[in-house]
Amino acid sequence: MKNINIILSSLIALLGLLVGIAPYTFAKVCGMASMHCHKVTAPVVLVFGIVIFVISLAQTIILWKKR
C-alpha cells in the first residue's frame, strides 16, 4: 500500500510540472502580450503547477523515508 502512495504522489508531481508548462507549450494562451490571458492567466497557472510539484515532491520524499 505504501508503494502505491509513493507512485501516485510521484505521478502527481509530474502532472504538476505538466500543468505548469501547459500555457507555454501545447495549450497556448492568447498571443497579444497586453491581454489578460497572457499577463495574468499564464503566470498564475505556472505558479500553481510549481506549487503542486513542490508539495507532491515533498510528500513523495516523506513517504519514501517512512517506507
N, C-alpha and C. Protein backbone atom coordinates (compact mmCIF):
# COMPACT_ATOMS: atom_id res chain seq x y z
N MET A 1 0.81 -1.19 0.00
CA MET A 1 0.00 0.00 0.00
C MET A 1 0.86 1.26 0.00
N LYS A 2 1.96 1.23 0.72
CA LYS A 2 2.82 2.41 0.76
C LYS A 2 3.47 2.67 -0.59
N ASN A 3 3.78 1.60 -1.32
CA ASN A 3 4.38 1.79 -2.64
C ASN A 3 3.41 2.47 -3.60
N ILE A 4 2.13 2.16 -3.47
CA ILE A 4 1.13 2.79 -4.32
C ILE A 4 1.05 4.28 -4.01
N ASN A 5 1.12 4.64 -2.74
CA ASN A 5 1.10 6.05 -2.36
C ASN A 5 2.31 6.80 -2.92
N ILE A 6 3.46 6.17 -2.89
CA ILE A 6 4.67 6.79 -3.43
C ILE A 6 4.53 6.98 -4.94
N ILE A 7 4.03 5.98 -5.62
CA ILE A 7 3.86 6.07 -7.08
C ILE A 7 2.86 7.15 -7.43
N LEU A 8 1.73 7.20 -6.74
CA LEU A 8 0.72 8.21 -7.03
C LEU A 8 1.22 9.62 -6.72
N SER A 9 1.95 9.77 -5.65
CA SER A 9 2.50 11.08 -5.30
C SER A 9 3.51 11.53 -6.35
N SER A 10 4.31 10.62 -6.84
CA SER A 10 5.27 10.94 -7.90
C SER A 10 4.56 11.32 -9.19
N LEU A 11 3.50 10.61 -9.49
CA LEU A 11 2.71 10.92 -10.68
C LEU A 11 2.08 12.30 -10.59
N ILE A 12 1.59 12.66 -9.42
CA ILE A 12 1.01 13.98 -9.23
C ILE A 12 2.09 15.05 -9.38
N ALA A 13 3.31 14.78 -8.92
CA ALA A 13 4.40 15.74 -9.10
C ALA A 13 4.68 15.97 -10.58
N LEU A 14 4.70 14.90 -11.35
CA LEU A 14 4.92 15.05 -12.79
C LEU A 14 3.76 15.79 -13.46
N LEU A 15 2.55 15.52 -13.02
CA LEU A 15 1.40 16.23 -13.57
C LEU A 15 1.44 17.71 -13.18
N GLY A 16 1.97 18.02 -12.02
CA GLY A 16 2.14 19.42 -11.63
C GLY A 16 3.07 20.16 -12.57
N LEU A 17 4.15 19.49 -12.98
CA LEU A 17 5.04 20.09 -13.97
C LEU A 17 4.33 20.29 -15.30
N LEU A 18 3.53 19.32 -15.67
CA LEU A 18 2.78 19.41 -16.91
C LEU A 18 1.79 20.58 -16.88
N VAL A 19 1.14 20.76 -15.75
CA VAL A 19 0.23 21.90 -15.60
C VAL A 19 1.00 23.21 -15.71
N GLY A 20 2.17 23.26 -15.11
CA GLY A 20 2.97 24.49 -15.12
C GLY A 20 3.43 24.91 -16.50
N ILE A 21 3.77 23.95 -17.35
CA ILE A 21 4.27 24.31 -18.67
C ILE A 21 3.18 24.36 -19.73
N ALA A 22 1.96 23.97 -19.37
CA ALA A 22 0.87 23.91 -20.35
C ALA A 22 0.61 25.23 -21.08
N PRO A 23 0.53 26.37 -20.39
CA PRO A 23 0.19 27.60 -21.13
C PRO A 23 1.30 28.06 -22.07
N TYR A 24 2.49 27.51 -21.91
CA TYR A 24 3.61 27.95 -22.74
C TYR A 24 3.94 26.97 -23.86
N THR A 25 3.34 25.78 -23.83
CA THR A 25 3.68 24.78 -24.84
C THR A 25 2.48 24.35 -25.66
N PHE A 26 1.70 23.43 -25.17
CA PHE A 26 0.66 22.83 -26.00
C PHE A 26 -0.71 23.49 -25.83
N ALA A 27 -0.95 24.21 -24.78
CA ALA A 27 -2.23 24.92 -24.59
C ALA A 27 -1.93 26.41 -24.54
N LYS A 28 -1.52 26.95 -25.64
CA LYS A 28 -1.06 28.33 -25.69
C LYS A 28 -2.16 29.31 -25.29
N VAL A 29 -1.74 30.35 -24.59
CA VAL A 29 -2.66 31.45 -24.28
C VAL A 29 -2.64 32.42 -25.45
N CYS A 30 -3.45 33.43 -25.38
CA CYS A 30 -3.53 34.39 -26.49
C CYS A 30 -2.16 35.02 -26.76
N GLY A 31 -1.96 35.42 -27.98
CA GLY A 31 -0.64 35.90 -28.40
C GLY A 31 -0.31 37.33 -28.02
N MET A 32 -1.32 38.16 -27.83
CA MET A 32 -1.06 39.57 -27.51
C MET A 32 -0.59 39.71 -26.07
N ALA A 33 0.55 40.33 -25.88
CA ALA A 33 1.13 40.44 -24.54
C ALA A 33 0.33 41.36 -23.63
N SER A 34 -0.51 42.20 -24.18
CA SER A 34 -1.27 43.13 -23.34
C SER A 34 -2.60 42.55 -22.86
N MET A 35 -2.97 41.39 -23.33
CA MET A 35 -4.27 40.82 -22.95
C MET A 35 -4.18 40.11 -21.59
N HIS A 36 -5.33 40.06 -20.92
CA HIS A 36 -5.42 39.50 -19.57
C HIS A 36 -4.97 38.03 -19.52
N CYS A 37 -5.34 37.26 -20.54
CA CYS A 37 -5.00 35.84 -20.51
C CYS A 37 -3.49 35.63 -20.61
N HIS A 38 -2.79 36.55 -21.22
CA HIS A 38 -1.34 36.43 -21.35
C HIS A 38 -0.62 36.99 -20.13
N LYS A 39 -1.11 38.10 -19.60
CA LYS A 39 -0.45 38.76 -18.48
C LYS A 39 -0.74 38.11 -17.14
N VAL A 40 -1.92 37.55 -16.97
CA VAL A 40 -2.31 37.04 -15.65
C VAL A 40 -2.47 35.52 -15.62
N THR A 41 -3.21 35.00 -16.56
CA THR A 41 -3.56 33.58 -16.51
C THR A 41 -2.35 32.67 -16.63
N ALA A 42 -1.50 32.92 -17.60
CA ALA A 42 -0.34 32.05 -17.80
C ALA A 42 0.60 32.02 -16.58
N PRO A 43 0.96 33.17 -16.00
CA PRO A 43 1.81 33.10 -14.81
C PRO A 43 1.15 32.43 -13.61
N VAL A 44 -0.17 32.65 -13.44
CA VAL A 44 -0.87 32.02 -12.32
C VAL A 44 -0.88 30.50 -12.48
N VAL A 45 -1.13 30.03 -13.68
CA VAL A 45 -1.12 28.58 -13.93
C VAL A 45 0.28 28.02 -13.69
N LEU A 46 1.30 28.76 -14.10
CA LEU A 46 2.68 28.33 -13.85
C LEU A 46 2.96 28.22 -12.35
N VAL A 47 2.55 29.21 -11.58
CA VAL A 47 2.78 29.19 -10.13
C VAL A 47 2.04 28.02 -9.49
N PHE A 48 0.77 27.80 -9.88
CA PHE A 48 0.02 26.67 -9.33
C PHE A 48 0.67 25.34 -9.70
N GLY A 49 1.19 25.22 -10.90
CA GLY A 49 1.87 24.00 -11.29
C GLY A 49 3.12 23.75 -10.46
N ILE A 50 3.87 24.81 -10.20
CA ILE A 50 5.07 24.68 -9.37
C ILE A 50 4.70 24.31 -7.93
N VAL A 51 3.64 24.92 -7.41
CA VAL A 51 3.20 24.60 -6.05
C VAL A 51 2.77 23.14 -5.95
N ILE A 52 2.01 22.67 -6.93
CA ILE A 52 1.59 21.27 -6.96
C ILE A 52 2.82 20.36 -7.00
N PHE A 53 3.80 20.71 -7.84
CA PHE A 53 5.01 19.90 -7.95
C PHE A 53 5.78 19.85 -6.63
N VAL A 54 5.97 20.99 -6.00
CA VAL A 54 6.76 21.04 -4.77
C VAL A 54 6.08 20.27 -3.64
N ILE A 55 4.78 20.46 -3.48
CA ILE A 55 4.07 19.75 -2.42
C ILE A 55 4.08 18.24 -2.67
N SER A 56 3.86 17.84 -3.91
CA SER A 56 3.86 16.41 -4.23
C SER A 56 5.24 15.79 -4.06
N LEU A 57 6.26 16.54 -4.46
CA LEU A 57 7.62 16.03 -4.29
C LEU A 57 7.97 15.89 -2.81
N ALA A 58 7.56 16.85 -1.99
CA ALA A 58 7.81 16.75 -0.55
C ALA A 58 7.07 15.55 0.03
N GLN A 59 5.84 15.33 -0.41
CA GLN A 59 5.09 14.18 0.07
C GLN A 59 5.75 12.88 -0.37
N THR A 60 6.25 12.84 -1.59
CA THR A 60 6.93 11.64 -2.08
C THR A 60 8.16 11.35 -1.23
N ILE A 61 8.94 12.36 -0.92
CA ILE A 61 10.15 12.18 -0.11
C ILE A 61 9.79 11.69 1.29
N ILE A 62 8.75 12.30 1.87
CA ILE A 62 8.33 11.88 3.22
C ILE A 62 7.86 10.43 3.21
N LEU A 63 7.06 10.07 2.22
CA LEU A 63 6.60 8.68 2.13
C LEU A 63 7.75 7.72 1.88
N TRP A 64 8.72 8.13 1.09
CA TRP A 64 9.87 7.28 0.79
C TRP A 64 10.69 7.01 2.05
N LYS A 65 10.85 8.05 2.89
CA LYS A 65 11.63 7.88 4.12
C LYS A 65 10.89 7.01 5.15
N LYS A 66 9.57 7.07 5.16
CA LYS A 66 8.79 6.26 6.11
C LYS A 66 8.73 4.80 5.71
N ARG A 67 9.06 4.51 4.47
CA ARG A 67 8.96 3.15 3.95
C ARG A 67 9.89 2.25 4.63
